[in-house]
Amino acid sequence: MNAKVYVAVDVRFWPDGRMSPLAVTWEDGRRFEVDRVLDVRRAASLRAGGAGTRFTVRICGRETYLFLEEDRWFVERRGA
């Protein structure tokens, strides 16, 4: 099973209660802007385990998942 990588996320909260991730700061300090939020739904991480709100986002032209599990954000570590 791949590992969860907990990350810092800059988020915009809307008056109607929605939230939109704006940027992700990786564990080594690199910061990536979220180009677009494509989908939001409750889902499990099949690769790293855990469940929560899954944001399908485009970062640097690549589609990836960003998970909000209770009060922590994570992504699935690729490769290895």
C-alpha atoms as a PDB file:
ATOM      1  CA  MET A   1       0.000   0.000   0.000  1.00  0.00           C
ATOM      2  CA  ASN A   2       1.253   3.476  -0.826  1.00  0.00           C
ATOM      3  CA  ALA A   3       1.746   5.977   1.970  1.00  0.00           C
ATOM      4  CA  LYS A   4      -0.246   9.050   2.848  1.00  0.00           C
ATOM      5  CA  VAL A   5       1.700  12.279   2.641  1.00  0.00           C
ATOM      6  CA  TYR A   6       0.201  14.909   4.929  1.00  0.00           C
ATOM      7  CA  VAL A   7       0.426  18.357   3.382  1.00  0.00           C
ATOM      8  CA  ALA A   8      -0.411  21.981   4.193  1.00  0.00           C
ATOM      9  CA  VAL A   9      -3.256  23.377   2.082  1.00  0.00           C
ATOM     10  CA  ASP A  10      -4.316  26.989   1.513  1.00  0.00           C
ATOM     11  CA  VAL A  11      -8.122  26.974   1.372  1.00  0.00           C
ATOM     12  CA  ARG A  12     -10.815  29.518   0.469  1.00  0.00           C
ATOM     13  CA  PHE A  13     -14.064  29.205   2.417  1.00  0.00           C
ATOM     14  CA  TRP A  14     -17.215  30.470   0.666  1.00  0.00           C
ATOM     15  CA  PRO A  15     -20.244  32.011   2.451  1.00  0.00           C
ATOM     16  CA  ASP A  16     -22.385  28.996   1.496  1.00  0.00           C
ATOM     17  CA  GLY A  17     -20.011  26.617   3.337  1.00  0.00           C
ATOM     18  CA  ARG A  18     -18.061  25.279   0.360  1.00  0.00           C
ATOM     19  CA  MET A  19     -14.282  25.177   0.470  1.00  0.00           C
ATOM     20  CA  SER A  20     -11.813  25.347  -2.393  1.00  0.00           C
ATOM     21  CA  PRO A  21      -8.154  24.352  -2.065  1.00  0.00           C
ATOM     22  CA  LEU A  22      -5.928  27.036  -3.602  1.00  0.00           C
ATOM     23  CA  ALA A  23      -2.404  25.668  -3.075  1.00  0.00           C
ATOM     24  CA  VAL A  24      -0.611  22.640  -1.612  1.00  0.00           C
ATOM     25  CA  THR A  25       2.701  22.814   0.234  1.00  0.00           C
ATOM     26  CA  TRP A  26       4.588  19.532  -0.038  1.00  0.00           C
ATOM     27  CA  GLU A  27       6.587  18.031   2.852  1.00  0.00           C
ATOM     28  CA  ASP A  28       9.861  19.470   1.478  1.00  0.00           C
ATOM     29  CA  GLY A  29       8.418  23.006   1.332  1.00  0.00           C
ATOM     30  CA  ARG A  30       7.640  23.182  -2.397  1.00  0.00           C
ATOM     31  CA  ARG A  31       4.354  24.987  -3.043  1.00  0.00           C
ATOM     32  CA  PHE A  32       2.000  24.111  -5.892  1.00  0.00           C
ATOM     33  CA  GLU A  33      -0.968  26.208  -6.998  1.00  0.00           C
ATOM     34  CA  VAL A  34      -4.222  24.352  -7.655  1.00  0.00           C
ATOM     35  CA  ASP A  35      -5.149  25.180 -11.267  1.00  0.00           C
ATOM     36  CA  ARG A  36      -8.703  23.921 -10.933  1.00  0.00           C
ATOM     37  CA  VAL A  37     -10.983  21.848  -8.703  1.00  0.00           C
ATOM     38  CA  LEU A  38     -12.627  19.262 -10.963  1.00  0.00           C
ATOM     39  CA  ASP A  39     -14.752  17.275  -8.495  1.00  0.00           C
ATOM     40  CA  VAL A  40     -15.556  16.994  -4.787  1.00  0.00           C
ATOM     41  CA  ARG A  41     -17.072  13.885  -3.169  1.00  0.00           C
ATOM     42  CA  ARG A  42     -16.899  11.559  -0.166  1.00  0.00           C
ATOM     43  CA  ALA A  43     -14.513   8.756  -1.064  1.00  0.00           C
ATOM     44  CA  ALA A  44     -11.851   6.392   0.191  1.00  0.00           C
ATOM     45  CA  SER A  45      -8.201   6.434  -0.778  1.00  0.00           C
ATOM     46  CA  LEU A  46      -7.786   3.015  -2.342  1.00  0.00           C
ATOM     47  CA  ARG A  47      -3.999   3.366  -2.648  1.00  0.00           C
ATOM     48  CA  ALA A  48      -3.097   4.794   0.781  1.00  0.00           C
ATOM     49  CA  GLY A  49      -6.077   3.877   2.974  1.00  0.00           C
ATOM     50  CA  GLY A  50      -8.360   6.243   4.808  1.00  0.00           C
ATOM     51  CA  ALA A  51     -11.468   8.092   3.736  1.00  0.00           C
ATOM     52  CA  GLY A  52     -12.912  11.569   3.747  1.00  0.00           C
ATOM     53  CA  THR A  53     -13.665  14.288   1.246  1.00  0.00           C
ATOM     54  CA  ARG A  54     -11.781  13.703  -1.996  1.00  0.00           C
ATOM     55  CA  PHE A  55     -10.991  16.733  -4.137  1.00  0.00           C
ATOM     56  CA  THR A  56     -10.016  15.911  -7.708  1.00  0.00           C
ATOM     57  CA  VAL A  57      -7.704  18.778  -8.632  1.00  0.00           C
ATOM     58  CA  ARG A  58      -5.451  19.835 -11.489  1.00  0.00           C
ATOM     59  CA  ILE A  59      -1.971  20.946 -10.403  1.00  0.00           C
ATOM     60  CA  CYS A  60       0.655  21.867 -13.010  1.00  0.00           C
ATOM     61  CA  GLY A  61      -1.572  20.353 -15.691  1.00  0.00           C
ATOM     62  CA  ARG A  62      -1.847  16.962 -13.928  1.00  0.00           C
ATOM     63  CA  GLU A  63      -4.975  15.556 -12.360  1.00  0.00           C
ATOM     64  CA  THR A  64      -4.563  14.224  -8.819  1.00  0.00           C
ATOM     65  CA  TYR A  65      -6.539  13.564  -5.650  1.00  0.00           C
ATOM     66  CA  LEU A  66      -6.323  15.671  -2.511  1.00  0.00           C
ATOM     67  CA  PHE A  67      -8.052  14.228   0.560  1.00  0.00           C
ATOM     68  CA  LEU A  68      -9.448  15.966   3.629  1.00  0.00           C
ATOM     69  CA  GLU A  69      -9.604  13.299   6.339  1.00  0.00           C
ATOM     70  CA  GLU A  70     -11.307  14.751   9.414  1.00  0.00           C
ATOM     71  CA  ASP A  71      -9.056  17.794   9.981  1.00  0.00           C
ATOM     72  CA  ARG A  72      -5.919  16.777   8.027  1.00  0.00           C
ATOM     73  CA  TRP A  73      -5.101  16.979   4.319  1.00  0.00           C
ATOM     74  CA  PHE A  74      -3.163  14.265   2.495  1.00  0.00           C
ATOM     75  CA  VAL A  75      -2.157  13.081  -0.955  1.00  0.00           C
ATOM     76  CA  GLU A  76      -1.158   9.582  -2.040  1.00  0.00           C
ATOM     77  CA  ARG A  77       2.603   9.152  -2.473  1.00  0.00           C
ATOM     78  CA  ARG A  78       3.386   8.170  -6.047  1.00  0.00           C
ATOM     79  CA  GLY A  79       5.776   5.440  -7.115  1.00  0.00           C
ATOM     80  CA  ALA A  80       8.578   4.133  -4.909  1.00  0.00           C
END
